[in-house]
Amino acid sequence: MSKYVDVYLLPIPAANIPAYKKVATKAGKLFLKHGALRYREYAASDLKVEDCIVPFPSAVPLKDGETLVYAAVEFKSESHRSRAMKSIFNDPALTAIMGDKPLFDYERMVYGGFKVIVDL
């Protein structure tokens, strides 16, 4: 059972989703190689919400033609995550996977680490 999850919200041009999926698949394999327990990414399909609920585009404003990708990477603990991420970012394969031209604006990416409090 995992106890720690890194979460990323990425605003990405919808047209880049197929290319991003290829990059994310390779990156996910690298994360797993370096100790992540699970690697998942999701593309938004319904960002319209009822009144009284804050929609994701309020947290990450989307430009015309953009959608939102949610990524969750599971680890045993925060210290396990820290060791794995250091290893991942030191692996030259990551640079090769990411390529020269970014598929989304990294400066608008939202990130946070979370301790799991319910895991059914």
N, C-alpha and C. Protein backbone atom coordinates (compact mmCIF):
# COMPACT_ATOMS: atom_id res chain seq x y z
N MET A 1 0.84 -1.19 0.00
CA MET A 1 0.00 0.00 0.00
C MET A 1 0.89 1.25 0.00
N SER A 2 0.65 2.15 -0.93
CA SER A 2 1.43 3.38 -0.99
C SER A 2 0.95 4.34 0.09
N LYS A 3 1.86 5.22 0.50
CA LYS A 3 1.55 6.17 1.55
C LYS A 3 1.83 7.61 1.14
N TYR A 4 2.36 7.81 -0.06
CA TYR A 4 2.73 9.14 -0.50
C TYR A 4 2.51 9.26 -2.00
N VAL A 5 1.93 10.38 -2.43
CA VAL A 5 1.62 10.59 -3.84
C VAL A 5 2.06 11.99 -4.26
N ASP A 6 2.82 12.07 -5.34
CA ASP A 6 3.12 13.34 -5.99
C ASP A 6 2.03 13.58 -7.02
N VAL A 7 1.48 14.79 -7.04
CA VAL A 7 0.40 15.14 -7.95
C VAL A 7 0.83 16.33 -8.80
N TYR A 8 0.55 16.25 -10.09
CA TYR A 8 0.89 17.31 -11.04
C TYR A 8 -0.36 17.65 -11.85
N LEU A 9 -0.59 18.93 -12.08
CA LEU A 9 -1.63 19.40 -13.00
C LEU A 9 -0.92 20.17 -14.10
N LEU A 10 -1.11 19.72 -15.33
CA LEU A 10 -0.39 20.30 -16.46
C LEU A 10 -1.36 20.88 -17.48
N PRO A 11 -1.30 22.18 -17.74
CA PRO A 11 -2.08 22.73 -18.84
C PRO A 11 -1.35 22.41 -20.14
N ILE A 12 -2.05 21.79 -21.06
CA ILE A 12 -1.38 21.32 -22.28
C ILE A 12 -2.30 21.54 -23.49
N PRO A 13 -1.75 22.00 -24.61
CA PRO A 13 -2.58 22.10 -25.80
C PRO A 13 -3.19 20.73 -26.13
N ALA A 14 -4.48 20.70 -26.34
CA ALA A 14 -5.16 19.43 -26.63
C ALA A 14 -4.53 18.71 -27.82
N ALA A 15 -4.04 19.48 -28.78
CA ALA A 15 -3.40 18.88 -29.96
C ALA A 15 -2.11 18.13 -29.61
N ASN A 16 -1.52 18.44 -28.45
CA ASN A 16 -0.28 17.79 -28.03
C ASN A 16 -0.50 16.50 -27.23
N ILE A 17 -1.73 16.17 -26.94
CA ILE A 17 -2.00 14.98 -26.10
C ILE A 17 -1.40 13.70 -26.69
N PRO A 18 -1.55 13.40 -27.98
CA PRO A 18 -0.94 12.17 -28.50
C PRO A 18 0.59 12.13 -28.31
N ALA A 19 1.27 13.23 -28.60
CA ALA A 19 2.72 13.27 -28.41
C ALA A 19 3.07 13.20 -26.92
N TYR A 20 2.27 13.89 -26.09
CA TYR A 20 2.51 13.87 -24.65
C TYR A 20 2.34 12.45 -24.09
N LYS A 21 1.35 11.73 -24.59
CA LYS A 21 1.11 10.37 -24.11
C LYS A 21 2.34 9.49 -24.36
N LYS A 22 2.99 9.66 -25.50
CA LYS A 22 4.20 8.89 -25.79
C LYS A 22 5.32 9.25 -24.82
N VAL A 23 5.51 10.56 -24.59
CA VAL A 23 6.55 11.02 -23.66
C VAL A 23 6.24 10.55 -22.24
N ALA A 24 4.98 10.69 -21.82
CA ALA A 24 4.59 10.30 -20.47
C ALA A 24 4.75 8.80 -20.24
N THR A 25 4.49 8.00 -21.26
CA THR A 25 4.66 6.55 -21.14
C THR A 25 6.13 6.21 -20.89
N LYS A 26 7.02 6.85 -21.65
CA LYS A 26 8.45 6.63 -21.45
C LYS A 26 8.90 7.14 -20.08
N ALA A 27 8.43 8.32 -19.71
CA ALA A 27 8.79 8.89 -18.41
C ALA A 27 8.27 8.01 -17.27
N GLY A 28 7.05 7.51 -17.41
CA GLY A 28 6.48 6.64 -16.39
C GLY A 28 7.32 5.40 -16.17
N LYS A 29 7.81 4.81 -17.26
CA LYS A 29 8.67 3.63 -17.14
C LYS A 29 9.96 3.99 -16.40
N LEU A 30 10.48 5.19 -16.64
CA LEU A 30 11.68 5.65 -15.94
C LEU A 30 11.40 5.83 -14.44
N PHE A 31 10.24 6.42 -14.12
CA PHE A 31 9.86 6.59 -12.71
C PHE A 31 9.76 5.23 -12.02
N LEU A 32 9.13 4.27 -12.67
CA LEU A 32 9.00 2.92 -12.09
C LEU A 32 10.37 2.26 -11.93
N LYS A 33 11.24 2.46 -12.90
CA LYS A 33 12.60 1.90 -12.83
C LYS A 33 13.34 2.41 -11.60
N HIS A 34 13.07 3.67 -11.24
CA HIS A 34 13.77 4.29 -10.11
C HIS A 34 12.99 4.21 -8.80
N GLY A 35 11.95 3.38 -8.74
CA GLY A 35 11.32 3.12 -7.46
C GLY A 35 9.89 3.54 -7.25
N ALA A 36 9.30 4.32 -8.17
CA ALA A 36 7.89 4.67 -8.00
C ALA A 36 7.07 3.39 -7.99
N LEU A 37 6.03 3.36 -7.17
CA LEU A 37 5.18 2.18 -7.07
C LEU A 37 4.12 2.14 -8.17
N ARG A 38 3.66 3.32 -8.56
CA ARG A 38 2.61 3.41 -9.58
C ARG A 38 2.72 4.77 -10.26
N TYR A 39 2.45 4.79 -11.56
CA TYR A 39 2.54 6.03 -12.33
C TYR A 39 1.30 6.10 -13.20
N ARG A 40 0.50 7.14 -13.03
CA ARG A 40 -0.73 7.28 -13.82
C ARG A 40 -0.90 8.72 -14.27
N GLU A 41 -1.44 8.89 -15.47
CA GLU A 41 -1.75 10.22 -15.98
C GLU A 41 -3.15 10.17 -16.58
N TYR A 42 -3.85 11.28 -16.44
CA TYR A 42 -5.23 11.37 -16.90
C TYR A 42 -5.42 12.66 -17.70
N ALA A 43 -6.12 12.59 -18.81
CA ALA A 43 -6.48 13.79 -19.57
C ALA A 43 -7.91 14.16 -19.20
N ALA A 44 -8.14 15.44 -19.00
CA ALA A 44 -9.47 15.92 -18.61
C ALA A 44 -10.51 15.54 -19.66
N SER A 45 -11.68 15.17 -19.20
CA SER A 45 -12.78 14.90 -20.12
C SER A 45 -14.02 15.72 -19.77
N ASP A 46 -14.11 16.21 -18.54
CA ASP A 46 -15.27 17.00 -18.12
C ASP A 46 -14.81 18.02 -17.10
N LEU A 47 -14.57 19.24 -17.54
CA LEU A 47 -14.12 20.29 -16.63
C LEU A 47 -15.24 21.26 -16.28
N LYS A 48 -16.44 20.97 -16.74
CA LYS A 48 -17.60 21.80 -16.39
C LYS A 48 -18.15 21.30 -15.07
N VAL A 49 -18.42 22.23 -14.14
CA VAL A 49 -18.90 21.83 -12.82
C VAL A 49 -20.15 22.63 -12.44
N GLU A 50 -20.83 22.12 -11.46
CA GLU A 50 -22.02 22.80 -10.91
C GLU A 50 -21.58 24.02 -10.10
N ASP A 51 -22.53 24.89 -9.81
CA ASP A 51 -22.25 26.02 -8.92
C ASP A 51 -21.80 25.48 -7.57
N CYS A 52 -21.07 26.28 -6.84
CA CYS A 52 -20.59 25.99 -5.49
C CYS A 52 -19.41 25.03 -5.47
N ILE A 53 -18.88 24.66 -6.62
CA ILE A 53 -17.69 23.82 -6.67
C ILE A 53 -16.67 24.57 -7.51
N VAL A 54 -15.42 24.56 -7.08
CA VAL A 54 -14.36 25.25 -7.82
C VAL A 54 -13.88 24.35 -8.95
N PRO A 55 -14.03 24.78 -10.20
CA PRO A 55 -13.56 23.96 -11.32
C PRO A 55 -12.04 24.01 -11.45
N PHE A 56 -11.45 22.94 -11.95
CA PHE A 56 -10.00 22.90 -12.14
C PHE A 56 -9.48 24.10 -12.92
N PRO A 57 -10.15 24.55 -13.99
CA PRO A 57 -9.61 25.70 -14.74
C PRO A 57 -9.50 26.98 -13.90
N SER A 58 -10.14 27.03 -12.73
CA SER A 58 -9.93 28.17 -11.85
C SER A 58 -8.57 28.08 -11.16
N ALA A 59 -8.12 26.86 -10.88
CA ALA A 59 -6.83 26.65 -10.24
C ALA A 59 -5.69 26.74 -11.26
N VAL A 60 -5.95 26.23 -12.44
CA VAL A 60 -4.99 26.25 -13.53
C VAL A 60 -5.71 26.84 -14.74
N PRO A 61 -5.67 28.16 -14.91
CA PRO A 61 -6.38 28.77 -16.03
C PRO A 61 -5.91 28.20 -17.37
N LEU A 62 -6.87 27.79 -18.18
CA LEU A 62 -6.56 27.19 -19.47
C LEU A 62 -6.75 28.21 -20.59
N LYS A 63 -5.83 28.21 -21.53
CA LYS A 63 -5.94 29.04 -22.72
C LYS A 63 -6.78 28.30 -23.74
N ASP A 64 -7.25 29.01 -24.76
CA ASP A 64 -8.02 28.38 -25.83
C ASP A 64 -7.23 27.21 -26.41
N GLY A 65 -7.90 26.08 -26.58
CA GLY A 65 -7.27 24.91 -27.17
C GLY A 65 -6.50 24.05 -26.18
N GLU A 66 -6.46 24.45 -24.90
CA GLU A 66 -5.75 23.66 -23.90
C GLU A 66 -6.71 22.76 -23.13
N THR A 67 -6.17 21.69 -22.60
CA THR A 67 -6.88 20.83 -21.68
C THR A 67 -5.96 20.62 -20.48
N LEU A 68 -6.40 19.83 -19.54
CA LEU A 68 -5.63 19.62 -18.32
C LEU A 68 -5.26 18.15 -18.20
N VAL A 69 -4.02 17.89 -17.85
CA VAL A 69 -3.56 16.53 -17.55
C VAL A 69 -3.28 16.47 -16.06
N TYR A 70 -3.77 15.42 -15.43
CA TYR A 70 -3.53 15.16 -14.01
C TYR A 70 -2.63 13.94 -13.94
N ALA A 71 -1.53 14.06 -13.23
CA ALA A 71 -0.60 12.94 -13.08
C ALA A 71 -0.45 12.63 -11.60
N ALA A 72 -0.40 11.35 -11.26
CA ALA A 72 -0.20 10.91 -9.88
C ALA A 72 0.86 9.82 -9.87
N VAL A 73 1.88 10.02 -9.06
CA VAL A 73 2.97 9.05 -8.94
C VAL A 73 3.03 8.61 -7.48
N GLU A 74 2.90 7.31 -7.25
CA GLU A 74 2.85 6.78 -5.89
C GLU A 74 4.21 6.27 -5.43
N PHE A 75 4.49 6.54 -4.14
CA PHE A 75 5.72 6.10 -3.50
C PHE A 75 5.40 5.52 -2.12
N LYS A 76 6.37 4.84 -1.51
CA LYS A 76 6.19 4.26 -0.18
C LYS A 76 6.06 5.33 0.89
N SER A 77 6.83 6.41 0.73
CA SER A 77 6.87 7.47 1.73
C SER A 77 7.45 8.73 1.09
N GLU A 78 7.44 9.82 1.83
CA GLU A 78 8.02 11.06 1.30
C GLU A 78 9.53 10.90 1.12
N SER A 79 10.20 10.23 2.06
CA SER A 79 11.65 10.04 1.91
C SER A 79 11.97 9.12 0.73
N HIS A 80 11.13 8.11 0.51
CA HIS A 80 11.30 7.24 -0.66
C HIS A 80 11.14 8.06 -1.94
N ARG A 81 10.14 8.94 -1.97
CA ARG A 81 9.92 9.82 -3.13
C ARG A 81 11.15 10.68 -3.38
N SER A 82 11.69 11.26 -2.31
CA SER A 82 12.85 12.16 -2.45
C SER A 82 14.05 11.42 -3.03
N ARG A 83 14.30 10.20 -2.56
CA ARG A 83 15.42 9.41 -3.10
C ARG A 83 15.17 9.05 -4.56
N ALA A 84 13.95 8.61 -4.86
CA ALA A 84 13.62 8.21 -6.24
C ALA A 84 13.72 9.40 -7.19
N MET A 85 13.20 10.55 -6.80
CA MET A 85 13.23 11.72 -7.68
C MET A 85 14.66 12.17 -7.94
N LYS A 86 15.51 12.10 -6.94
CA LYS A 86 16.92 12.45 -7.14
C LYS A 86 17.53 11.53 -8.19
N SER A 87 17.24 10.26 -8.08
CA SER A 87 17.74 9.27 -9.02
C SER A 87 17.18 9.50 -10.43
N ILE A 88 15.90 9.81 -10.51
CA ILE A 88 15.24 10.05 -11.79
C ILE A 88 15.86 11.26 -12.49
N PHE A 89 16.02 12.36 -11.76
CA PHE A 89 16.55 13.58 -12.37
C PHE A 89 18.03 13.49 -12.70
N ASN A 90 18.72 12.52 -12.12
CA ASN A 90 20.13 12.30 -12.46
C ASN A 90 20.30 11.31 -13.60
N ASP A 91 19.22 10.70 -14.04
CA ASP A 91 19.28 9.72 -15.12
C ASP A 91 19.27 10.46 -16.47
N PRO A 92 20.30 10.31 -17.30
CA PRO A 92 20.33 11.00 -18.59
C PRO A 92 19.18 10.61 -19.52
N ALA A 93 18.55 9.50 -19.26
CA ALA A 93 17.41 9.08 -20.09
C ALA A 93 16.27 10.09 -19.99
N LEU A 94 16.14 10.77 -18.85
CA LEU A 94 15.05 11.74 -18.69
C LEU A 94 15.19 12.88 -19.69
N THR A 95 16.39 13.38 -19.88
CA THR A 95 16.62 14.46 -20.85
C THR A 95 16.27 13.99 -22.25
N ALA A 96 16.64 12.78 -22.57
CA ALA A 96 16.33 12.23 -23.90
C ALA A 96 14.83 12.09 -24.09
N ILE A 97 14.13 11.67 -23.06
CA ILE A 97 12.67 11.49 -23.14
C ILE A 97 11.98 12.83 -23.35
N MET A 98 12.40 13.86 -22.63
CA MET A 98 11.72 15.15 -22.67
C MET A 98 11.91 15.88 -24.00
N GLY A 99 13.01 15.63 -24.70
CA GLY A 99 13.23 16.27 -25.99
C GLY A 99 13.58 17.74 -25.87
N ASP A 100 13.71 18.38 -27.01
CA ASP A 100 14.13 19.78 -27.05
C ASP A 100 12.98 20.77 -26.92
N LYS A 101 11.80 20.39 -27.41
CA LYS A 101 10.67 21.31 -27.42
C LYS A 101 9.61 20.83 -26.42
N PRO A 102 9.34 21.63 -25.38
CA PRO A 102 8.33 21.23 -24.39
C PRO A 102 6.94 21.13 -25.01
N LEU A 103 6.17 20.17 -24.54
CA LEU A 103 4.81 19.96 -25.02
C LEU A 103 3.79 20.78 -24.24
N PHE A 104 4.22 21.41 -23.14
CA PHE A 104 3.35 22.27 -22.34
C PHE A 104 4.22 23.29 -21.62
N ASP A 105 3.59 24.29 -21.01
CA ASP A 105 4.28 25.37 -20.32
C ASP A 105 4.57 24.93 -18.88
N TYR A 106 5.82 24.55 -18.61
CA TYR A 106 6.22 24.06 -17.29
C TYR A 106 5.97 25.09 -16.18
N GLU A 107 6.05 26.37 -16.51
CA GLU A 107 5.86 27.42 -15.51
C GLU A 107 4.43 27.51 -15.02
N ARG A 108 3.50 26.90 -15.73
CA ARG A 108 2.09 26.92 -15.31
C ARG A 108 1.68 25.59 -14.68
N MET A 109 2.61 24.67 -14.56
CA MET A 109 2.32 23.37 -13.95
C MET A 109 2.13 23.56 -12.45
N VAL A 110 1.17 22.84 -11.88
CA VAL A 110 0.92 22.87 -10.44
C VAL A 110 1.40 21.53 -9.87
N TYR A 111 2.09 21.57 -8.73
CA TYR A 111 2.65 20.36 -8.13
C TYR A 111 2.43 20.36 -6.63
N GLY A 112 2.28 19.17 -6.07
CA GLY A 112 2.24 19.02 -4.62
C GLY A 112 2.44 17.57 -4.25
N GLY A 113 2.96 17.34 -3.05
CA GLY A 113 3.13 16.01 -2.51
C GLY A 113 2.09 15.78 -1.43
N PHE A 114 1.51 14.59 -1.40
CA PHE A 114 0.41 14.31 -0.48
C PHE A 114 0.63 12.98 0.25
N LYS A 115 0.36 12.99 1.56
CA LYS A 115 0.33 11.76 2.33
C LYS A 115 -1.05 11.14 2.15
N VAL A 116 -1.09 9.85 1.90
CA VAL A 116 -2.37 9.16 1.74
C VAL A 116 -3.03 9.03 3.10
N ILE A 117 -4.30 9.43 3.19
CA ILE A 117 -5.02 9.31 4.46
C ILE A 117 -6.15 8.27 4.39
N VAL A 118 -6.62 7.95 3.19
CA VAL A 118 -7.59 6.88 3.00
C VAL A 118 -7.17 6.12 1.75
N ASP A 119 -7.12 4.80 1.84
CA ASP A 119 -6.71 3.97 0.71
C ASP A 119 -7.55 2.71 0.75
N LEU A 120 -8.65 2.71 0.02
CA LEU A 120 -9.58 1.56 0.04
C LEU A 120 -9.29 0.58 -1.07
